[in-house]
mmCIF file of all heavy atoms, coordinates in Angstrom:
data_MODEL
# 
_entry.id   MODEL 
# 
loop_
_atom_site.group_PDB 
_atom_site.id 
_atom_site.type_symbol 
_atom_site.label_atom_id 
_atom_site.label_alt_id 
_atom_site.label_comp_id 
_atom_site.label_asym_id 
_atom_site.label_entity_id 
_atom_site.label_seq_id 
_atom_site.pdbx_PDB_ins_code 
_atom_site.Cartn_x 
_atom_site.Cartn_y 
_atom_site.Cartn_z 
_atom_site.occupancy 
_atom_site.B_iso_or_equiv 
_atom_site.pdbx_formal_charge 
_atom_site.auth_seq_id 
_atom_site.auth_comp_id 
_atom_site.auth_asym_id 
_atom_site.auth_atom_id 
_atom_site.pdbx_PDB_model_num 
ATOM 1   N N   . LEU A 1 1  ? 5.061  -17.277 -20.058 1.00 0.00 ? 1  LEU A N   1 
ATOM 2   C CA  . LEU A 1 1  ? 4.577  -16.598 -18.848 1.00 0.00 ? 1  LEU A CA  1 
ATOM 3   C C   . LEU A 1 1  ? 4.194  -15.161 -19.155 1.00 0.00 ? 1  LEU A C   1 
ATOM 4   O O   . LEU A 1 1  ? 4.943  -14.439 -19.826 1.00 0.00 ? 1  LEU A O   1 
ATOM 5   C CB  . LEU A 1 1  ? 5.674  -16.585 -17.786 1.00 0.00 ? 1  LEU A CB  1 
ATOM 6   C CG  . LEU A 1 1  ? 5.984  -17.874 -17.038 1.00 0.00 ? 1  LEU A CG  1 
ATOM 7   C CD1 . LEU A 1 1  ? 7.203  -17.649 -16.151 1.00 0.00 ? 1  LEU A CD1 1 
ATOM 8   C CD2 . LEU A 1 1  ? 4.800  -18.321 -16.204 1.00 0.00 ? 1  LEU A CD2 1 
ATOM 9   N N   . PRO A 1 2  ? 3.047  -14.685 -18.681 1.00 0.00 ? 2  PRO A N   1 
ATOM 10  C CA  . PRO A 1 2  ? 2.759  -13.247 -18.770 1.00 0.00 ? 2  PRO A CA  1 
ATOM 11  C C   . PRO A 1 2  ? 3.832  -12.471 -18.011 1.00 0.00 ? 2  PRO A C   1 
ATOM 12  O O   . PRO A 1 2  ? 4.385  -12.960 -17.011 1.00 0.00 ? 2  PRO A O   1 
ATOM 13  C CB  . PRO A 1 2  ? 1.392  -13.120 -18.100 1.00 0.00 ? 2  PRO A CB  1 
ATOM 14  C CG  . PRO A 1 2  ? 0.774  -14.479 -18.225 1.00 0.00 ? 2  PRO A CG  1 
ATOM 15  C CD  . PRO A 1 2  ? 1.919  -15.442 -18.110 1.00 0.00 ? 2  PRO A CD  1 
ATOM 16  N N   . VAL A 1 3  ? 4.141  -11.265 -18.469 1.00 0.00 ? 3  VAL A N   1 
ATOM 17  C CA  . VAL A 1 3  ? 5.185  -10.468 -17.832 1.00 0.00 ? 3  VAL A CA  1 
ATOM 18  C C   . VAL A 1 3  ? 4.870  -10.253 -16.364 1.00 0.00 ? 3  VAL A C   1 
ATOM 19  O O   . VAL A 1 3  ? 5.744  -10.366 -15.502 1.00 0.00 ? 3  VAL A O   1 
ATOM 20  C CB  . VAL A 1 3  ? 5.346  -9.119  -18.560 1.00 0.00 ? 3  VAL A CB  1 
ATOM 21  C CG1 . VAL A 1 3  ? 6.383  -8.259  -17.857 1.00 0.00 ? 3  VAL A CG1 1 
ATOM 22  C CG2 . VAL A 1 3  ? 5.736  -9.346  -20.013 1.00 0.00 ? 3  VAL A CG2 1 
ATOM 23  N N   . GLU A 1 4  ? 3.590  -9.974  -16.043 1.00 0.00 ? 4  GLU A N   1 
ATOM 24  C CA  . GLU A 1 4  ? 3.232  -9.711  -14.650 1.00 0.00 ? 4  GLU A CA  1 
ATOM 25  C C   . GLU A 1 4  ? 3.247  -10.960 -13.792 1.00 0.00 ? 4  GLU A C   1 
ATOM 26  O O   . GLU A 1 4  ? 3.185  -10.878 -12.555 1.00 0.00 ? 4  GLU A O   1 
ATOM 27  C CB  . GLU A 1 4  ? 1.854  -9.049  -14.576 1.00 0.00 ? 4  GLU A CB  1 
ATOM 28  C CG  . GLU A 1 4  ? 0.706  -9.901  -15.055 1.00 0.00 ? 4  GLU A CG  1 
ATOM 29  C CD  . GLU A 1 4  ? 0.458  -9.761  -16.551 1.00 0.00 ? 4  GLU A CD  1 
ATOM 30  O OE1 . GLU A 1 4  ? 1.359  -9.270  -17.277 1.00 0.00 ? 4  GLU A OE1 1 
ATOM 31  O OE2 . GLU A 1 4  ? -0.645 -10.135 -17.006 1.00 0.00 ? 4  GLU A OE2 1 
ATOM 32  N N   . HIS A 1 5  ? 3.334  -12.126 -14.410 1.00 0.00 ? 5  HIS A N   1 
ATOM 33  C CA  . HIS A 1 5  ? 3.401  -13.372 -13.649 1.00 0.00 ? 5  HIS A CA  1 
ATOM 34  C C   . HIS A 1 5  ? 4.784  -14.011 -13.695 1.00 0.00 ? 5  HIS A C   1 
ATOM 35  O O   . HIS A 1 5  ? 4.934  -15.193 -13.407 1.00 0.00 ? 5  HIS A O   1 
ATOM 36  C CB  . HIS A 1 5  ? 2.346  -14.359 -14.137 1.00 0.00 ? 5  HIS A CB  1 
ATOM 37  C CG  . HIS A 1 5  ? 0.952  -13.974 -13.727 1.00 0.00 ? 5  HIS A CG  1 
ATOM 38  N ND1 . HIS A 1 5  ? 0.549  -13.943 -12.424 1.00 0.00 ? 5  HIS A ND1 1 
ATOM 39  C CD2 . HIS A 1 5  ? -0.121 -13.583 -14.463 1.00 0.00 ? 5  HIS A CD2 1 
ATOM 40  C CE1 . HIS A 1 5  ? -0.715 -13.557 -12.355 1.00 0.00 ? 5  HIS A CE1 1 
ATOM 41  N NE2 . HIS A 1 5  ? -1.145 -13.318 -13.574 1.00 0.00 ? 5  HIS A NE2 1 
ATOM 42  N N   . GLY A 1 6  ? 5.801  -13.190 -14.050 1.00 0.00 ? 6  GLY A N   1 
ATOM 43  C CA  . GLY A 1 6  ? 7.164  -13.659 -13.864 1.00 0.00 ? 6  GLY A CA  1 
ATOM 44  C C   . GLY A 1 6  ? 8.001  -13.886 -15.097 1.00 0.00 ? 6  GLY A C   1 
ATOM 45  O O   . GLY A 1 6  ? 9.106  -14.426 -14.981 1.00 0.00 ? 6  GLY A O   1 
ATOM 46  N N   . PHE A 1 7  ? 7.522  -13.521 -16.292 1.00 0.00 ? 7  PHE A N   1 
ATOM 47  C CA  . PHE A 1 7  ? 8.316  -13.745 -17.500 1.00 0.00 ? 7  PHE A CA  1 
ATOM 48  C C   . PHE A 1 7  ? 9.727  -13.172 -17.327 1.00 0.00 ? 7  PHE A C   1 
ATOM 49  O O   . PHE A 1 7  ? 9.895  -12.071 -16.823 1.00 0.00 ? 7  PHE A O   1 
ATOM 50  C CB  . PHE A 1 7  ? 7.641  -13.072 -18.706 1.00 0.00 ? 7  PHE A CB  1 
ATOM 51  C CG  . PHE A 1 7  ? 8.389  -13.238 -19.998 1.00 0.00 ? 7  PHE A CG  1 
ATOM 52  C CD1 . PHE A 1 7  ? 8.248  -14.401 -20.744 1.00 0.00 ? 7  PHE A CD1 1 
ATOM 53  C CD2 . PHE A 1 7  ? 9.240  -12.252 -20.452 1.00 0.00 ? 7  PHE A CD2 1 
ATOM 54  C CE1 . PHE A 1 7  ? 8.944  -14.552 -21.931 1.00 0.00 ? 7  PHE A CE1 1 
ATOM 55  C CE2 . PHE A 1 7  ? 9.943  -12.400 -21.634 1.00 0.00 ? 7  PHE A CE2 1 
ATOM 56  C CZ  . PHE A 1 7  ? 9.790  -13.557 -22.370 1.00 0.00 ? 7  PHE A CZ  1 
ATOM 57  N N   . PRO A 1 8  ? 10.751 -13.939 -17.711 1.00 0.00 ? 8  PRO A N   1 
ATOM 58  C CA  . PRO A 1 8  ? 10.677 -15.174 -18.494 1.00 0.00 ? 8  PRO A CA  1 
ATOM 59  C C   . PRO A 1 8  ? 10.554 -16.465 -17.681 1.00 0.00 ? 8  PRO A C   1 
ATOM 60  O O   . PRO A 1 8  ? 10.118 -17.477 -18.201 1.00 0.00 ? 8  PRO A O   1 
ATOM 61  C CB  . PRO A 1 8  ? 11.994 -15.164 -19.269 1.00 0.00 ? 8  PRO A CB  1 
ATOM 62  C CG  . PRO A 1 8  ? 12.940 -14.412 -18.380 1.00 0.00 ? 8  PRO A CG  1 
ATOM 63  C CD  . PRO A 1 8  ? 12.122 -13.384 -17.673 1.00 0.00 ? 8  PRO A CD  1 
ATOM 64  N N   . VAL A 1 9  ? 10.950 -16.441 -16.387 1.00 0.00 ? 9  VAL A N   1 
ATOM 65  C CA  . VAL A 1 9  ? 10.984 -17.688 -15.609 1.00 0.00 ? 9  VAL A CA  1 
ATOM 66  C C   . VAL A 1 9  ? 10.542 -17.401 -14.178 1.00 0.00 ? 9  VAL A C   1 
ATOM 67  O O   . VAL A 1 9  ? 10.922 -16.374 -13.594 1.00 0.00 ? 9  VAL A O   1 
ATOM 68  C CB  . VAL A 1 9  ? 12.408 -18.311 -15.589 1.00 0.00 ? 9  VAL A CB  1 
ATOM 69  C CG1 . VAL A 1 9  ? 12.397 -19.645 -14.846 1.00 0.00 ? 9  VAL A CG1 1 
ATOM 70  C CG2 . VAL A 1 9  ? 12.939 -18.494 -17.006 1.00 0.00 ? 9  VAL A CG2 1 
ATOM 71  N N   . ARG A 1 10 ? 9.763  -18.322 -13.622 1.00 0.00 ? 10 ARG A N   1 
ATOM 72  C CA  . ARG A 1 10 ? 9.349  -18.232 -12.227 1.00 0.00 ? 10 ARG A CA  1 
ATOM 73  C C   . ARG A 1 10 ? 9.361  -19.614 -11.596 1.00 0.00 ? 10 ARG A C   1 
ATOM 74  O O   . ARG A 1 10 ? 9.466  -20.639 -12.292 1.00 0.00 ? 10 ARG A O   1 
ATOM 75  C CB  . ARG A 1 10 ? 7.942  -17.645 -12.108 1.00 0.00 ? 10 ARG A CB  1 
ATOM 76  C CG  . ARG A 1 10 ? 6.850  -18.561 -12.642 1.00 0.00 ? 10 ARG A CG  1 
ATOM 77  C CD  . ARG A 1 10 ? 5.466  -18.070 -12.262 1.00 0.00 ? 10 ARG A CD  1 
ATOM 78  N NE  . ARG A 1 10 ? 5.229  -18.120 -10.833 1.00 0.00 ? 10 ARG A NE  1 
ATOM 79  C CZ  . ARG A 1 10 ? 4.214  -17.512 -10.231 1.00 0.00 ? 10 ARG A CZ  1 
ATOM 80  N NH1 . ARG A 1 10 ? 3.355  -16.796 -10.942 1.00 0.00 ? 10 ARG A NH1 1 
ATOM 81  N NH2 . ARG A 1 10 ? 4.061  -17.619 -8.931  1.00 0.00 ? 10 ARG A NH2 1 
ATOM 82  N N   . MET A 1 11 ? 9.228  -19.647 -10.282 1.00 0.00 ? 11 MET A N   1 
ATOM 83  C CA  . MET A 1 11 ? 9.143  -20.910 -9.551  1.00 0.00 ? 11 MET A CA  1 
ATOM 84  C C   . MET A 1 11 ? 7.684  -21.268 -9.307  1.00 0.00 ? 11 MET A C   1 
ATOM 85  O O   . MET A 1 11 ? 6.851  -20.409 -9.041  1.00 0.00 ? 11 MET A O   1 
ATOM 86  C CB  . MET A 1 11 ? 9.852  -20.795 -8.209  1.00 0.00 ? 11 MET A CB  1 
ATOM 87  C CG  . MET A 1 11 ? 11.357 -20.747 -8.284  1.00 0.00 ? 11 MET A CG  1 
ATOM 88  S SD  . MET A 1 11 ? 12.076 -22.402 -8.337  1.00 0.00 ? 11 MET A SD  1 
ATOM 89  C CE  . MET A 1 11 ? 11.865 -22.917 -6.622  1.00 0.00 ? 11 MET A CE  1 
ATOM 90  N N   . VAL A 1 12 ? 7.394  -22.561 -9.383  1.00 0.00 ? 12 VAL A N   1 
ATOM 91  C CA  . VAL A 1 12 ? 6.079  -23.110 -9.048  1.00 0.00 ? 12 VAL A CA  1 
ATOM 92  C C   . VAL A 1 12 ? 6.315  -24.356 -8.203  1.00 0.00 ? 12 VAL A C   1 
ATOM 93  O O   . VAL A 1 12 ? 6.961  -25.301 -8.666  1.00 0.00 ? 12 VAL A O   1 
ATOM 94  C CB  . VAL A 1 12 ? 5.267  -23.463 -10.309 1.00 0.00 ? 12 VAL A CB  1 
ATOM 95  C CG1 . VAL A 1 12 ? 3.991  -24.213 -9.938  1.00 0.00 ? 12 VAL A CG1 1 
ATOM 96  C CG2 . VAL A 1 12 ? 4.927  -22.207 -11.110 1.00 0.00 ? 12 VAL A CG2 1 
ATOM 97  N N   . VAL A 1 13 ? 5.815  -24.355 -6.968  1.00 0.00 ? 13 VAL A N   1 
ATOM 98  C CA  . VAL A 1 13 ? 6.037  -25.483 -6.063  1.00 0.00 ? 13 VAL A CA  1 
ATOM 99  C C   . VAL A 1 13 ? 4.693  -25.904 -5.466  1.00 0.00 ? 13 VAL A C   1 
ATOM 100 O O   . VAL A 1 13 ? 4.094  -25.150 -4.699  1.00 0.00 ? 13 VAL A O   1 
ATOM 101 C CB  . VAL A 1 13 ? 7.022  -25.131 -4.930  1.00 0.00 ? 13 VAL A CB  1 
ATOM 102 C CG1 . VAL A 1 13 ? 7.284  -26.370 -4.069  1.00 0.00 ? 13 VAL A CG1 1 
ATOM 103 C CG2 . VAL A 1 13 ? 8.326  -24.591 -5.502  1.00 0.00 ? 13 VAL A CG2 1 
ATOM 104 N N   . PRO A 1 14 ? 4.187  -27.091 -5.789  1.00 0.00 ? 14 PRO A N   1 
ATOM 105 C CA  . PRO A 1 14 ? 2.915  -27.546 -5.223  1.00 0.00 ? 14 PRO A CA  1 
ATOM 106 C C   . PRO A 1 14 ? 2.983  -27.663 -3.704  1.00 0.00 ? 14 PRO A C   1 
ATOM 107 O O   . PRO A 1 14 ? 3.979  -28.130 -3.141  1.00 0.00 ? 14 PRO A O   1 
ATOM 108 C CB  . PRO A 1 14 ? 2.715  -28.927 -5.867  1.00 0.00 ? 14 PRO A CB  1 
ATOM 109 C CG  . PRO A 1 14 ? 3.587  -28.934 -7.079  1.00 0.00 ? 14 PRO A CG  1 
ATOM 110 C CD  . PRO A 1 14 ? 4.754  -28.073 -6.735  1.00 0.00 ? 14 PRO A CD  1 
ATOM 111 N N   . GLY A 1 15 ? 1.918  -27.229 -3.052  1.00 0.00 ? 15 GLY A N   1 
ATOM 112 C CA  . GLY A 1 15 ? 1.783  -27.445 -1.616  1.00 0.00 ? 15 GLY A CA  1 
ATOM 113 C C   . GLY A 1 15 ? 2.346  -26.376 -0.723  1.00 0.00 ? 15 GLY A C   1 
ATOM 114 O O   . GLY A 1 15 ? 2.173  -26.440 0.501   1.00 0.00 ? 15 GLY A O   1 
ATOM 115 N N   . LEU A 1 16 ? 3.024  -25.354 -1.277  1.00 0.00 ? 16 LEU A N   1 
ATOM 116 C CA  . LEU A 1 16 ? 3.604  -24.290 -0.460  1.00 0.00 ? 16 LEU A CA  1 
ATOM 117 C C   . LEU A 1 16 ? 3.009  -22.945 -0.857  1.00 0.00 ? 16 LEU A C   1 
ATOM 118 O O   . LEU A 1 16 ? 2.796  -22.679 -2.046  1.00 0.00 ? 16 LEU A O   1 
ATOM 119 C CB  . LEU A 1 16 ? 5.127  -24.231 -0.629  1.00 0.00 ? 16 LEU A CB  1 
ATOM 120 C CG  . LEU A 1 16 ? 5.917  -25.498 -0.274  1.00 0.00 ? 16 LEU A CG  1 
ATOM 121 C CD1 . LEU A 1 16 ? 7.406  -25.249 -0.469  1.00 0.00 ? 16 LEU A CD1 1 
ATOM 122 C CD2 . LEU A 1 16 ? 5.635  -25.946 1.152   1.00 0.00 ? 16 LEU A CD2 1 
ATOM 123 N N   . TYR A 1 17 ? 2.751  -22.118 0.138   1.00 0.00 ? 17 TYR A N   1 
ATOM 124 C CA  . TYR A 1 17 ? 2.284  -20.768 -0.156  1.00 0.00 ? 17 TYR A CA  1 
ATOM 125 C C   . TYR A 1 17 ? 3.308  -20.035 -1.010  1.00 0.00 ? 17 TYR A C   1 
ATOM 126 O O   . TYR A 1 17 ? 4.513  -20.293 -0.943  1.00 0.00 ? 17 TYR A O   1 
ATOM 127 C CB  . TYR A 1 17 ? 2.039  -19.982 1.131   1.00 0.00 ? 17 TYR A CB  1 
ATOM 128 C CG  . TYR A 1 17 ? 0.785  -20.372 1.881   1.00 0.00 ? 17 TYR A CG  1 
ATOM 129 C CD1 . TYR A 1 17 ? 0.853  -20.881 3.179   1.00 0.00 ? 17 TYR A CD1 1 
ATOM 130 C CD2 . TYR A 1 17 ? -0.473 -20.230 1.294   1.00 0.00 ? 17 TYR A CD2 1 
ATOM 131 C CE1 . TYR A 1 17 ? -0.294 -21.222 3.879   1.00 0.00 ? 17 TYR A CE1 1 
ATOM 132 C CE2 . TYR A 1 17 ? -1.626 -20.579 1.991   1.00 0.00 ? 17 TYR A CE2 1 
ATOM 133 C CZ  . TYR A 1 17 ? -1.538 -21.078 3.274   1.00 0.00 ? 17 TYR A CZ  1 
ATOM 134 O OH  . TYR A 1 17 ? -2.673 -21.425 3.959   1.00 0.00 ? 17 TYR A OH  1 
ATOM 135 N N   . GLY A 1 18 ? 2.818  -19.075 -1.786  1.00 0.00 ? 18 GLY A N   1 
ATOM 136 C CA  . GLY A 1 18 ? 3.690  -18.357 -2.713  1.00 0.00 ? 18 GLY A CA  1 
ATOM 137 C C   . GLY A 1 18 ? 4.818  -17.614 -2.057  1.00 0.00 ? 18 GLY A C   1 
ATOM 138 O O   . GLY A 1 18 ? 5.900  -17.477 -2.637  1.00 0.00 ? 18 GLY A O   1 
ATOM 139 N N   . TYR A 1 19 ? 4.618  -17.140 -0.825  1.00 0.00 ? 19 TYR A N   1 
ATOM 140 C CA  . TYR A 1 19 ? 5.656  -16.310 -0.203  1.00 0.00 ? 19 TYR A CA  1 
ATOM 141 C C   . TYR A 1 19 ? 6.905  -17.112 0.155   1.00 0.00 ? 19 TYR A C   1 
ATOM 142 O O   . TYR A 1 19 ? 7.955  -16.526 0.445   1.00 0.00 ? 19 TYR A O   1 
ATOM 143 C CB  . TYR A 1 19 ? 5.094  -15.597 1.036   1.00 0.00 ? 19 TYR A CB  1 
ATOM 144 C CG  . TYR A 1 19 ? 5.093  -16.385 2.324   1.00 0.00 ? 19 TYR A CG  1 
ATOM 145 C CD1 . TYR A 1 19 ? 6.031  -16.126 3.330   1.00 0.00 ? 19 TYR A CD1 1 
ATOM 146 C CD2 . TYR A 1 19 ? 4.151  -17.379 2.568   1.00 0.00 ? 19 TYR A CD2 1 
ATOM 147 C CE1 . TYR A 1 19 ? 6.029  -16.824 4.529   1.00 0.00 ? 19 TYR A CE1 1 
ATOM 148 C CE2 . TYR A 1 19 ? 4.129  -18.088 3.756   1.00 0.00 ? 19 TYR A CE2 1 
ATOM 149 C CZ  . TYR A 1 19 ? 5.074  -17.808 4.734   1.00 0.00 ? 19 TYR A CZ  1 
ATOM 150 O OH  . TYR A 1 19 ? 5.065  -18.519 5.909   1.00 0.00 ? 19 TYR A OH  1 
ATOM 151 N N   . VAL A 1 20 ? 6.820  -18.444 0.154   1.00 0.00 ? 20 VAL A N   1 
ATOM 152 C CA  . VAL A 1 20 ? 8.000  -19.265 0.421   1.00 0.00 ? 20 VAL A CA  1 
ATOM 153 C C   . VAL A 1 20 ? 8.423  -20.095 -0.795  1.00 0.00 ? 20 VAL A C   1 
ATOM 154 O O   . VAL A 1 20 ? 9.303  -20.942 -0.667  1.00 0.00 ? 20 VAL A O   1 
ATOM 155 C CB  . VAL A 1 20 ? 7.769  -20.220 1.619   1.00 0.00 ? 20 VAL A CB  1 
ATOM 156 C CG1 . VAL A 1 20 ? 7.536  -19.432 2.891   1.00 0.00 ? 20 VAL A CG1 1 
ATOM 157 C CG2 . VAL A 1 20 ? 6.620  -21.177 1.356   1.00 0.00 ? 20 VAL A CG2 1 
ATOM 158 N N   . SER A 1 21 ? 7.818  -19.828 -1.956  1.00 0.00 ? 21 SER A N   1 
ATOM 159 C CA  . SER A 1 21 ? 8.142  -20.723 -3.068  1.00 0.00 ? 21 SER A CA  1 
ATOM 160 C C   . SER A 1 21 ? 8.018  -20.097 -4.453  1.00 0.00 ? 21 SER A C   1 
ATOM 161 O O   . SER A 1 21 ? 8.812  -20.410 -5.343  1.00 0.00 ? 21 SER A O   1 
ATOM 162 C CB  . SER A 1 21 ? 7.245  -21.967 -3.016  1.00 0.00 ? 21 SER A CB  1 
ATOM 163 O OG  . SER A 1 21 ? 5.887  -21.621 -3.248  1.00 0.00 ? 21 SER A OG  1 
ATOM 164 N N   . ALA A 1 22 ? 7.033  -19.254 -4.672  1.00 0.00 ? 22 ALA A N   1 
ATOM 165 C CA  . ALA A 1 22 ? 6.673  -18.858 -6.035  1.00 0.00 ? 22 ALA A CA  1 
ATOM 166 C C   . ALA A 1 22 ? 7.413  -17.615 -6.487  1.00 0.00 ? 22 ALA A C   1 
ATOM 167 O O   . ALA A 1 22 ? 6.810  -16.581 -6.799  1.00 0.00 ? 22 ALA A O   1 
ATOM 168 C CB  . ALA A 1 22 ? 5.163  -18.652 -6.130  1.00 0.00 ? 22 ALA A CB  1 
ATOM 169 N N   . CYS A 1 23 ? 8.727  -17.679 -6.539  1.00 0.00 ? 23 CYS A N   1 
ATOM 170 C CA  . CYS A 1 23 ? 9.549  -16.535 -6.906  1.00 0.00 ? 23 CYS A CA  1 
ATOM 171 C C   . CYS A 1 23 ? 9.364  -16.203 -8.386  1.00 0.00 ? 23 CYS A C   1 
ATOM 172 O O   . CYS A 1 23 ? 9.702  -16.999 -9.262  1.00 0.00 ? 23 CYS A O   1 
ATOM 173 C CB  . CYS A 1 23 ? 11.017 -16.822 -6.613  1.00 0.00 ? 23 CYS A CB  1 
ATOM 174 S SG  . CYS A 1 23 ? 12.108 -15.406 -6.856  1.00 0.00 ? 23 CYS A SG  1 
ATOM 175 N N   . LYS A 1 24 ? 8.851  -15.003 -8.662  1.00 0.00 ? 24 LYS A N   1 
ATOM 176 C CA  . LYS A 1 24 ? 8.699  -14.536 -10.041 1.00 0.00 ? 24 LYS A CA  1 
ATOM 177 C C   . LYS A 1 24 ? 9.958  -13.786 -10.475 1.00 0.00 ? 24 LYS A C   1 
ATOM 178 O O   . LYS A 1 24 ? 10.708 -13.270 -9.643  1.00 0.00 ? 24 LYS A O   1 
ATOM 179 C CB  . LYS A 1 24 ? 7.469  -13.632 -10.153 1.00 0.00 ? 24 LYS A CB  1 
ATOM 180 C CG  . LYS A 1 24 ? 6.164  -14.376 -9.967  1.00 0.00 ? 24 LYS A CG  1 
ATOM 181 C CD  . LYS A 1 24 ? 4.950  -13.485 -10.115 1.00 0.00 ? 24 LYS A CD  1 
ATOM 182 C CE  . LYS A 1 24 ? 4.657  -12.732 -8.855  1.00 0.00 ? 24 LYS A CE  1 
ATOM 183 N NZ  . LYS A 1 24 ? 3.330  -12.059 -8.905  1.00 0.00 ? 24 LYS A NZ  1 
ATOM 184 N N   . TRP A 1 25 ? 10.182 -13.748 -11.809 1.00 0.00 ? 25 TRP A N   1 
ATOM 185 C CA  . TRP A 1 25 ? 11.358 -13.082 -12.375 1.00 0.00 ? 25 TRP A CA  1 
ATOM 186 C C   . TRP A 1 25 ? 12.633 -13.592 -11.702 1.00 0.00 ? 25 TRP A C   1 
ATOM 187 O O   . TRP A 1 25 ? 13.572 -12.840 -11.405 1.00 0.00 ? 25 TRP A O   1 
ATOM 188 C CB  . TRP A 1 25 ? 11.243 -11.559 -12.213 1.00 0.00 ? 25 TRP A CB  1 
ATOM 189 C CG  . TRP A 1 25 ? 9.913  -11.024 -12.625 1.00 0.00 ? 25 TRP A CG  1 
ATOM 190 C CD1 . TRP A 1 25 ? 9.396  -10.941 -13.894 1.00 0.00 ? 25 TRP A CD1 1 
ATOM 191 C CD2 . TRP A 1 25 ? 8.894  -10.512 -11.747 1.00 0.00 ? 25 TRP A CD2 1 
ATOM 192 N NE1 . TRP A 1 25 ? 8.139  -10.415 -13.857 1.00 0.00 ? 25 TRP A NE1 1 
ATOM 193 C CE2 . TRP A 1 25 ? 7.793  -10.147 -12.562 1.00 0.00 ? 25 TRP A CE2 1 
ATOM 194 C CE3 . TRP A 1 25 ? 8.797  -10.324 -10.377 1.00 0.00 ? 25 TRP A CE3 1 
ATOM 195 C CZ2 . TRP A 1 25 ? 6.624  -9.600  -12.025 1.00 0.00 ? 25 TRP A CZ2 1 
ATOM 196 C CZ3 . TRP A 1 25 ? 7.634  -9.787  -9.845  1.00 0.00 ? 25 TRP A CZ3 1 
ATOM 197 C CH2 . TRP A 1 25 ? 6.568  -9.433  -10.665 1.00 0.00 ? 25 TRP A CH2 1 
ATOM 198 N N   . VAL A 1 26 ? 12.685 -14.897 -11.451 1.00 0.00 ? 26 VAL A N   1 
ATOM 199 C CA  . VAL A 1 26 ? 13.759 -15.490 -10.670 1.00 0.00 ? 26 VAL A CA  1 
ATOM 200 C C   . VAL A 1 26 ? 15.072 -15.454 -11.440 1.00 0.00 ? 26 VAL A C   1 
ATOM 201 O O   . VAL A 1 26 ? 15.117 -15.721 -12.645 1.00 0.00 ? 26 VAL A O   1 
ATOM 202 C CB  . VAL A 1 26 ? 13.405 -16.935 -10.259 1.00 0.00 ? 26 VAL A CB  1 
ATOM 203 C CG1 . VAL A 1 26 ? 13.195 -17.832 -11.471 1.00 0.00 ? 26 VAL A CG1 1 
ATOM 204 C CG2 . VAL A 1 26 ? 14.462 -17.519 -9.331  1.00 0.00 ? 26 VAL A CG2 1 
ATOM 205 N N   . THR A 1 27 ? 16.156 -15.098 -10.749 1.00 0.00 ? 27 THR A N   1 
ATOM 206 C CA  . THR A 1 27 ? 17.485 -15.075 -11.359 1.00 0.00 ? 27 THR A CA  1 
ATOM 207 C C   . THR A 1 27 ? 18.516 -15.864 -10.555 1.00 0.00 ? 27 THR A C   1 
ATOM 208 O O   . THR A 1 27 ? 19.620 -16.089 -11.055 1.00 0.00 ? 27 THR A O   1 
ATOM 209 C CB  . THR A 1 27 ? 18.003 -13.630 -11.508 1.00 0.00 ? 27 THR A CB  1 
ATOM 210 O OG1 . THR A 1 27 ? 18.050 -13.012 -10.216 1.00 0.00 ? 27 THR A OG1 1 
ATOM 211 C CG2 . THR A 1 27 ? 17.107 -12.821 -12.430 1.00 0.00 ? 27 THR A CG2 1 
# 
């Protein structure tokens, strides 16, 4: 993952807008 896109780990969920699913830099 690029650092600005959540490195090292992020969430990706098909069908849901990012504000309810795509947590970047998730811990």
